[in-house]
Amino acid sequence: MQTEAGELRTKLRAMIDERLPADFVGSFTGDSKDLATAEDFCRQLAEDKLLCMAWPEAYGGQDAGPWLQTIVREEMWAHFEPRGAQYMGVNWVGPVIMRHGTEEQKSEHLPRISAGEVIWCQGFSEPEAGSDLSGLRTTATPDGDGYRINGQKVWTSYASIAGWCFLLARTERNPADLRSGITVFLVKTDSPGFSVRPLDSLVGHMHLNEVFFSDVYVPASQVLGEVGQGWRIVMEVLAYERLGIARYSKCDRLLAEVRTHLGEEWNDVPSGLRERWVRALVRTRQSRLLAYRVVAAQAAGHVDPADVAAYRIAVTVLDQEVSEILTEIVGPKALSPGLTESKLVRAVEDHWRYALAGTVSSGTIEMQRRALARAILAPA
């Protein structure tokens, strides 16, 4: 396994060196060339069956297992996620459809995800509910052989470029149990009544949006799982999503790069700041071990929500700690002639913005602390 893992890292890094411009810091920069670069890179990953290598061969994977998929995840995030928005379909939409979808849904969606041909967005958060999914108000009302969807979602990543939306809507309302009566729908974004309004945000171009549903018709064949039993699927989704981004890998790489970049000037960095740099480096390794604990649980077929919440909290705090240290180290250097546009400065600035947003994405850190407390104090 160790040899295979090393070979995979070498292959991925060679692809990155060959196919990504030296100044690439992500696909959502506002420069259309960066998005085109990510789309091209994603197609190559798919052609080489590396995009979804943990998936069964029947759906475009290699049956490679979660550990090799973890290496793909780490290398992609460490190099500014050149898969672009595809990570969502790869990390959790596809796996959830595999477990809960009908054969028709699997045939329709999984090959397109593994080929890198379709982008998904998630219709979860709402203006009046935020990260508290049990408070969602978007409704799905039976209509003939399907449902009519009405409501609004917010903070919906990639909705303006997505082909499909993984939507949560309420098919029943029981005030005594708001977790019941939620259903998962797979919705085409070109459906009549589906509209998107982009939101300006510090995480950049195309990232966040408001999504409106006005009498959107969804056939019953696009209900995922059982009607009214979506909460169980949602919890499963969040477990995979919260593990899905290997934030520690980019922290590790940027901490190493800033040390290398400064060379002999490293000795001019105040000793207290260098001590914080060392402690942050240790915490990247601790976060990596927490992630590996969850991956091992996934491989064994049982994920403890407490482990997932603990990992997500640790890596979110780490992201912010590293962004502050890097900003303090690089900040004064960024004013030097010729360095303002360097990749390192752009990378640190990009990391700082994403770290700020990390405390509210994929569920706020407060919700994750609540989930951890609930898992410890009142285990299922």
Protein backbone atom coordinates (compact mmCIF):
# COMPACT_ATOMS: atom_id res chain seq x y z
CA MET A 1 0.00 0.00 0.00
CA GLN A 2 2.81 2.41 0.91
CA THR A 3 4.54 1.91 -2.46
CA GLU A 4 1.26 2.30 -4.32
CA ALA A 5 0.46 5.47 -2.39
CA GLY A 6 3.89 6.95 -3.12
CA GLU A 7 3.55 6.19 -6.82
CA LEU A 8 0.14 7.82 -6.91
CA ARG A 9 1.44 11.01 -5.27
CA THR A 10 4.32 11.12 -7.76
CA LYS A 11 1.95 10.69 -10.69
CA LEU A 12 -0.44 13.37 -9.47
CA ARG A 13 2.35 15.87 -8.81
CA ALA A 14 3.75 15.24 -12.29
CA MET A 15 0.31 15.97 -13.77
CA ILE A 16 0.06 19.13 -11.71
CA ASP A 17 3.50 20.31 -12.82
CA GLU A 18 2.71 19.55 -16.43
CA ARG A 19 -0.83 20.84 -16.75
CA LEU A 20 -1.22 23.73 -14.28
CA PRO A 21 0.29 27.19 -14.88
CA ALA A 22 2.99 28.07 -12.36
CA ASP A 23 0.83 30.89 -10.95
CA PHE A 24 -2.39 28.83 -10.53
CA VAL A 25 -4.12 29.55 -7.22
CA GLY A 26 -7.57 28.15 -7.92
CA SER A 27 -10.31 28.14 -10.51
CA PHE A 28 -12.62 30.84 -9.11
CA THR A 29 -10.43 33.90 -9.49
CA GLY A 30 -12.56 35.86 -11.94
CA ASP A 31 -10.10 35.02 -14.74
CA SER A 32 -11.91 32.64 -17.13
CA LYS A 33 -8.58 31.01 -18.01
CA ASP A 34 -8.30 29.59 -14.49
CA LEU A 35 -11.71 27.93 -14.72
CA ALA A 36 -10.82 26.55 -18.17
CA THR A 37 -7.57 25.19 -16.72
CA ALA A 38 -9.49 23.38 -13.98
CA GLU A 39 -11.99 21.92 -16.46
CA ASP A 40 -9.15 20.64 -18.64
CA PHE A 41 -7.33 19.18 -15.62
CA CYS A 42 -10.51 17.50 -14.42
CA ARG A 43 -11.11 15.90 -17.81
CA GLN A 44 -7.58 14.46 -17.74
CA LEU A 45 -8.12 13.05 -14.24
CA ALA A 46 -11.34 11.44 -15.45
CA GLU A 47 -9.71 9.98 -18.57
CA ASP A 48 -7.02 8.43 -16.36
CA LYS A 49 -9.74 7.16 -13.96
CA LEU A 50 -8.19 9.15 -11.14
CA LEU A 51 -11.12 11.47 -10.48
CA CYS A 52 -13.25 8.84 -8.72
CA MET A 53 -10.70 6.09 -8.23
CA ALA A 54 -12.40 4.74 -5.08
CA TRP A 55 -15.61 4.13 -7.02
CA PRO A 56 -16.54 0.76 -8.53
CA GLU A 57 -15.26 0.19 -12.06
CA ALA A 58 -18.87 -0.05 -13.26
CA TYR A 59 -19.30 3.65 -12.43
CA GLY A 60 -15.98 4.88 -13.82
CA GLY A 61 -13.65 4.21 -10.88
CA GLN A 62 -10.89 1.74 -10.08
CA ASP A 63 -12.26 0.07 -6.93
CA ALA A 64 -9.19 1.61 -5.28
CA GLY A 65 -10.62 2.15 -1.79
CA PRO A 66 -10.77 5.25 0.42
CA TRP A 67 -7.05 5.55 1.20
CA LEU A 68 -5.92 6.17 -2.37
CA GLN A 69 -8.89 8.53 -2.84
CA THR A 70 -7.62 10.37 0.25
CA ILE A 71 -4.27 10.90 -1.46
CA VAL A 72 -6.05 12.39 -4.48
CA ARG A 73 -8.00 14.66 -2.13
CA GLU A 74 -4.83 15.79 -0.32
CA GLU A 75 -2.83 16.51 -3.46
CA MET A 76 -5.70 18.42 -5.07
CA TRP A 77 -6.36 20.68 -2.07
CA ALA A 78 -2.64 21.26 -1.47
CA HIS A 79 -2.42 22.59 -5.03
CA PHE A 80 -5.48 24.89 -4.89
CA GLU A 81 -8.09 22.30 -5.90
CA PRO A 82 -7.61 22.05 -9.68
CA ARG A 83 -10.72 19.84 -9.84
CA GLY A 84 -12.67 23.06 -9.43
CA ALA A 85 -16.24 22.47 -8.32
CA GLN A 86 -16.12 18.74 -9.11
CA TYR A 87 -15.05 17.75 -5.59
CA MET A 88 -18.67 17.97 -4.39
CA GLY A 89 -19.96 15.35 -6.84
CA VAL A 90 -16.93 13.16 -6.27
CA ASN A 91 -16.77 13.33 -2.47
CA TRP A 92 -20.36 12.85 -1.47
CA VAL A 93 -23.08 13.27 -4.13
CA GLY A 94 -21.93 10.23 -6.06
CA PRO A 95 -21.34 8.00 -3.00
CA VAL A 96 -24.75 8.91 -1.53
CA ILE A 97 -26.49 8.13 -4.84
CA MET A 98 -24.66 4.77 -4.85
CA ARG A 99 -26.09 3.91 -1.43
CA HIS A 100 -29.59 5.31 -1.72
CA GLY A 101 -30.34 5.78 -5.43
CA THR A 102 -32.44 3.66 -7.76
CA GLU A 103 -30.70 1.81 -10.59
CA GLU A 104 -32.02 4.46 -12.99
CA GLN A 105 -30.55 7.26 -10.85
CA LYS A 106 -27.20 5.48 -10.64
CA SER A 107 -27.10 4.96 -14.41
CA GLU A 108 -28.06 8.56 -15.10
CA HIS A 109 -25.78 10.38 -12.64
CA LEU A 110 -22.72 8.33 -11.67
CA PRO A 111 -21.04 7.96 -15.10
CA ARG A 112 -21.36 11.70 -15.72
CA ILE A 113 -19.81 12.57 -12.34
CA SER A 114 -16.87 10.19 -12.78
CA ALA A 115 -16.32 11.62 -16.29
CA GLY A 116 -16.13 15.14 -14.86
CA GLU A 117 -19.00 16.21 -17.11
CA VAL A 118 -21.41 17.65 -14.55
CA ILE A 119 -21.21 20.06 -11.62
CA TRP A 120 -23.50 19.72 -8.60
CA CYS A 121 -24.58 22.26 -6.03
CA GLN A 122 -26.23 21.57 -2.68
CA GLY A 123 -29.54 23.20 -1.77
CA PHE A 124 -29.27 23.09 2.01
CA SER A 125 -28.99 26.45 3.86
CA GLU A 126 -31.94 28.85 3.94
CA PRO A 127 -32.27 32.53 4.94
CA GLU A 128 -34.36 31.79 8.06
CA ALA A 129 -32.62 28.54 9.03
CA GLY A 130 -28.93 28.96 8.22
CA SER A 131 -26.99 25.82 9.15
CA ASP A 132 -29.92 24.45 11.19
CA LEU A 133 -31.27 22.14 8.54
CA SER A 134 -34.22 21.04 10.67
CA GLY A 135 -35.52 24.60 10.30
CA LEU A 136 -35.74 24.54 6.51
CA ARG A 137 -38.99 25.84 4.97
CA THR A 138 -38.70 25.03 1.26
CA THR A 139 -41.73 22.89 0.43
CA ALA A 140 -42.38 20.02 -1.96
CA THR A 141 -46.07 19.46 -2.71
CA PRO A 142 -47.33 16.35 -4.56
CA ASP A 143 -48.48 17.15 -8.12
CA GLY A 144 -49.39 14.27 -10.42
CA ASP A 145 -46.35 12.01 -10.89
CA GLY A 146 -44.03 14.44 -9.14
CA TYR A 147 -43.70 17.42 -6.80
CA ARG A 148 -43.83 21.21 -7.00
CA ILE A 149 -40.93 22.90 -5.18
CA ASN A 150 -41.27 26.40 -3.70
CA GLY A 151 -38.78 28.22 -1.51
CA GLN A 152 -35.32 29.76 -1.32
CA LYS A 153 -31.80 28.59 -0.58
CA VAL A 154 -28.77 30.72 0.23
CA TRP A 155 -24.96 30.43 0.33
CA THR A 156 -25.29 27.83 -2.43
CA SER A 157 -21.83 27.20 -3.85
CA TYR A 158 -21.47 26.85 -7.65
CA ALA A 159 -25.22 27.15 -8.33
CA SER A 160 -24.57 29.48 -11.27
CA ILE A 161 -22.49 26.86 -13.09
CA ALA A 162 -24.10 23.65 -11.77
CA GLY A 163 -26.16 21.28 -13.90
CA TRP A 164 -27.87 19.59 -10.93
CA CYS A 165 -28.89 20.51 -7.41
CA PHE A 166 -28.97 18.10 -4.43
CA LEU A 167 -32.00 19.64 -2.75
CA LEU A 168 -33.58 19.29 0.68
CA ALA A 169 -37.27 20.16 0.83
CA ARG A 170 -40.04 19.59 3.32
CA THR A 171 -42.79 17.18 2.23
CA GLU A 172 -44.43 17.21 5.69
CA ARG A 173 -44.23 19.47 8.72
CA ASN A 174 -44.46 18.05 12.24
CA PRO A 175 -43.71 20.81 14.81
CA ALA A 176 -42.90 18.14 17.39
CA ASP A 177 -40.20 16.60 15.19
CA LEU A 178 -38.74 18.97 12.61
CA ARG A 179 -36.22 16.37 11.48
CA SER A 180 -39.01 14.27 10.02
CA GLY A 181 -40.75 15.11 6.75
CA ILE A 182 -37.57 16.19 4.91
CA THR A 183 -37.01 14.66 1.47
CA VAL A 184 -34.01 14.71 -0.89
CA PHE A 185 -34.65 15.70 -4.51
CA LEU A 186 -32.24 15.63 -7.46
CA VAL A 187 -33.16 18.74 -9.45
CA LYS A 188 -32.01 19.89 -12.87
CA THR A 189 -30.94 23.52 -12.69
CA ASP A 190 -32.47 24.30 -16.09
CA SER A 191 -35.93 23.36 -14.80
CA PRO A 192 -38.55 26.10 -15.32
CA GLY A 193 -38.86 28.16 -12.12
CA PHE A 194 -35.27 27.50 -10.96
CA SER A 195 -33.31 30.76 -10.77
CA VAL A 196 -29.95 31.85 -9.35
CA ARG A 197 -28.71 35.20 -8.05
CA PRO A 198 -24.92 35.40 -7.42
CA LEU A 199 -23.75 36.88 -4.11
CA ASP A 200 -20.62 38.97 -3.70
CA SER A 201 -18.33 37.34 -1.17
CA LEU A 202 -14.73 37.25 -0.04
CA VAL A 203 -14.25 33.72 -1.42
CA GLY A 204 -14.43 35.02 -4.94
CA HIS A 205 -16.14 34.81 -8.27
CA MET A 206 -19.10 32.41 -8.77
CA HIS A 207 -18.78 30.83 -5.34
CA LEU A 208 -21.91 31.82 -3.42
CA ASN A 209 -25.43 32.30 -4.67
CA GLU A 210 -29.06 32.59 -3.72
CA VAL A 211 -31.31 30.01 -5.38
CA PHE A 212 -35.05 30.46 -5.86
CA PHE A 213 -37.64 27.73 -6.54
CA SER A 214 -40.92 28.92 -8.00
CA ASP A 215 -43.26 25.99 -8.74
CA VAL A 216 -40.31 23.91 -9.96
CA TYR A 217 -41.62 20.51 -11.08
CA VAL A 218 -39.51 17.48 -10.12
CA PRO A 219 -40.63 13.99 -11.19
CA ALA A 220 -41.00 11.41 -8.43
CA SER A 221 -38.23 9.41 -10.14
CA GLN A 222 -35.76 12.05 -8.87
CA VAL A 223 -36.57 11.56 -5.18
CA LEU A 224 -33.48 10.08 -3.51
CA GLY A 225 -34.33 7.47 -0.89
CA GLU A 226 -37.71 7.40 0.83
CA VAL A 227 -40.07 10.36 0.95
CA GLY A 228 -39.86 12.08 4.36
CA GLN A 229 -36.76 10.15 5.42
CA GLY A 230 -34.17 12.60 4.17
CA TRP A 231 -32.71 13.47 7.58
CA ARG A 232 -30.79 10.20 7.76
CA ILE A 233 -29.31 10.85 4.31
CA VAL A 234 -28.46 14.42 5.32
CA MET A 235 -26.47 13.27 8.34
CA GLU A 236 -24.60 10.84 6.13
CA VAL A 237 -23.90 13.59 3.61
CA LEU A 238 -22.53 15.94 6.25
CA ALA A 239 -20.22 13.23 7.58
CA TYR A 240 -18.67 12.81 4.13
CA GLU A 241 -18.68 16.50 3.28
CA ARG A 242 -16.95 17.55 6.47
CA LEU A 243 -14.15 15.10 5.76
CA GLY A 244 -14.12 15.91 2.07
CA ILE A 245 -11.71 18.85 2.06
CA ALA A 246 -8.13 18.06 3.14
CA ARG A 247 -7.46 21.55 4.48
CA TYR A 248 -4.46 20.36 6.49
CA SER A 249 -2.61 19.46 3.27
CA LYS A 250 -2.63 23.06 1.97
CA CYS A 251 -1.65 24.38 5.42
CA ASP A 252 1.28 21.96 5.49
CA ARG A 253 2.43 22.94 2.00
CA LEU A 254 2.13 26.71 2.52
CA LEU A 255 4.00 26.59 5.84
CA ALA A 256 6.84 24.72 4.13
CA GLU A 257 6.84 27.02 1.09
CA VAL A 258 7.07 30.23 3.08
CA ARG A 259 10.12 28.86 4.92
CA THR A 260 11.76 27.87 1.62
CA HIS A 261 10.83 31.12 -0.10
CA LEU A 262 12.41 33.33 2.55
CA GLY A 263 15.72 31.44 2.53
CA GLU A 264 18.27 33.22 4.72
CA GLU A 265 15.70 35.93 5.47
CA TRP A 266 13.92 33.34 7.64
CA ASN A 267 16.36 34.28 10.41
CA ASP A 268 14.91 37.82 10.35
CA VAL A 269 11.44 36.52 11.27
CA PRO A 270 10.81 37.23 15.00
CA SER A 271 11.49 34.18 17.16
CA GLY A 272 7.96 34.22 18.62
CA LEU A 273 6.49 34.04 15.13
CA ARG A 274 8.81 31.19 14.21
CA GLU A 275 7.66 29.30 17.33
CA ARG A 276 4.04 29.74 16.25
CA TRP A 277 5.04 28.44 12.80
CA VAL A 278 6.44 25.27 14.40
CA ARG A 279 3.35 24.73 16.58
CA ALA A 280 1.11 25.18 13.52
CA LEU A 281 3.16 22.63 11.60
CA VAL A 282 2.64 20.14 14.44
CA ARG A 283 -1.10 20.80 14.39
CA THR A 284 -1.27 20.11 10.63
CA ARG A 285 0.06 16.62 11.38
CA GLN A 286 -2.45 16.21 14.23
CA SER A 287 -5.31 17.20 11.91
CA ARG A 288 -4.06 14.75 9.30
CA LEU A 289 -4.20 11.95 11.89
CA LEU A 290 -7.74 12.93 12.87
CA ALA A 291 -8.72 12.76 9.19
CA TYR A 292 -7.09 9.35 8.83
CA ARG A 293 -9.07 8.11 11.82
CA VAL A 294 -12.30 8.98 10.00
CA VAL A 295 -11.04 7.46 6.73
CA ALA A 296 -10.27 4.22 8.60
CA ALA A 297 -13.80 4.26 10.02
CA GLN A 298 -15.20 4.79 6.52
CA ALA A 299 -13.18 1.85 5.25
CA ALA A 300 -14.63 -0.26 8.08
CA GLY A 301 -18.15 0.87 7.20
CA HIS A 302 -18.97 2.91 10.31
CA VAL A 303 -18.32 6.63 10.78
CA ASP A 304 -18.70 8.11 14.27
CA PRO A 305 -20.25 11.61 14.00
CA ALA A 306 -18.14 12.69 16.97
CA ASP A 307 -14.93 11.89 15.09
CA VAL A 308 -16.11 13.81 12.03
CA ALA A 309 -17.12 16.85 14.07
CA ALA A 310 -13.83 16.80 16.00
CA TYR A 311 -11.85 16.68 12.76
CA ARG A 312 -13.86 19.48 11.17
CA ILE A 313 -13.44 21.74 14.20
CA ALA A 314 -9.70 21.04 14.40
CA VAL A 315 -9.02 21.68 10.74
CA THR A 316 -11.15 24.84 10.64
CA VAL A 317 -9.26 26.33 13.59
CA LEU A 318 -5.98 25.21 12.00
CA ASP A 319 -6.86 26.98 8.74
CA GLN A 320 -7.32 30.27 10.57
CA GLU A 321 -4.22 29.83 12.73
CA VAL A 322 -2.05 29.17 9.67
CA SER A 323 -3.58 32.05 7.71
CA GLU A 324 -2.74 34.47 10.52
CA ILE A 325 0.86 33.22 10.81
CA LEU A 326 1.44 33.31 7.06
CA THR A 327 -0.06 36.79 6.79
CA GLU A 328 2.21 38.07 9.56
CA ILE A 329 5.28 36.52 7.94
CA VAL A 330 4.52 37.49 4.36
CA GLY A 331 2.63 40.72 5.01
CA PRO A 332 5.59 43.11 5.15
CA LYS A 333 7.28 41.29 2.28
CA ALA A 334 4.20 41.82 0.12
CA LEU A 335 5.04 45.52 0.00
CA SER A 336 8.46 44.85 -1.53
CA PRO A 337 8.84 45.78 -5.22
CA GLY A 338 8.25 42.79 -7.47
CA LEU A 339 6.74 40.57 -4.81
CA THR A 340 3.19 41.89 -4.74
CA GLU A 341 2.16 39.70 -7.66
CA SER A 342 4.20 36.66 -6.64
CA LYS A 343 2.41 33.33 -6.33
CA LEU A 344 3.29 33.09 -2.65
CA VAL A 345 1.62 36.40 -1.82
CA ARG A 346 -1.45 35.49 -3.88
CA ALA A 347 -1.55 32.05 -2.25
CA VAL A 348 -1.40 33.50 1.27
CA GLU A 349 -4.10 36.05 0.44
CA ASP A 350 -6.29 33.30 -1.06
CA HIS A 351 -5.76 31.10 1.99
CA TRP A 352 -6.61 33.96 4.36
CA ARG A 353 -9.96 34.59 2.62
CA TYR A 354 -10.94 30.92 2.57
CA ALA A 355 -9.92 30.46 6.20
CA LEU A 356 -12.23 33.29 7.25
CA ALA A 357 -15.13 31.65 5.41
CA GLY A 358 -14.29 28.20 6.79
CA THR A 359 -16.07 28.81 10.07
CA VAL A 360 -19.44 29.08 8.31
CA SER A 361 -19.08 26.72 5.35
CA SER A 362 -20.37 23.13 5.53
CA GLY A 363 -22.15 24.04 8.75
CA THR A 364 -20.92 26.68 11.17
CA ILE A 365 -18.26 25.77 13.68
CA GLU A 366 -20.86 26.38 16.41
CA MET A 367 -23.13 23.74 14.85
CA GLN A 368 -20.21 21.32 14.68
CA ARG A 369 -19.39 21.92 18.35
CA ARG A 370 -23.03 21.24 19.16
CA ALA A 371 -22.90 18.03 17.08
CA LEU A 372 -19.76 16.92 18.91
CA ALA A 373 -21.32 17.63 22.31
CA ARG A 374 -24.50 15.79 21.33
CA ALA A 375 -22.51 12.78 20.09
CA ILE A 376 -20.52 12.61 23.35
CA LEU A 377 -23.29 13.35 25.84
CA ALA A 378 -26.21 11.61 24.14
CA PRO A 379 -24.85 8.94 21.78
CA ALA A 380 -27.39 7.23 19.54
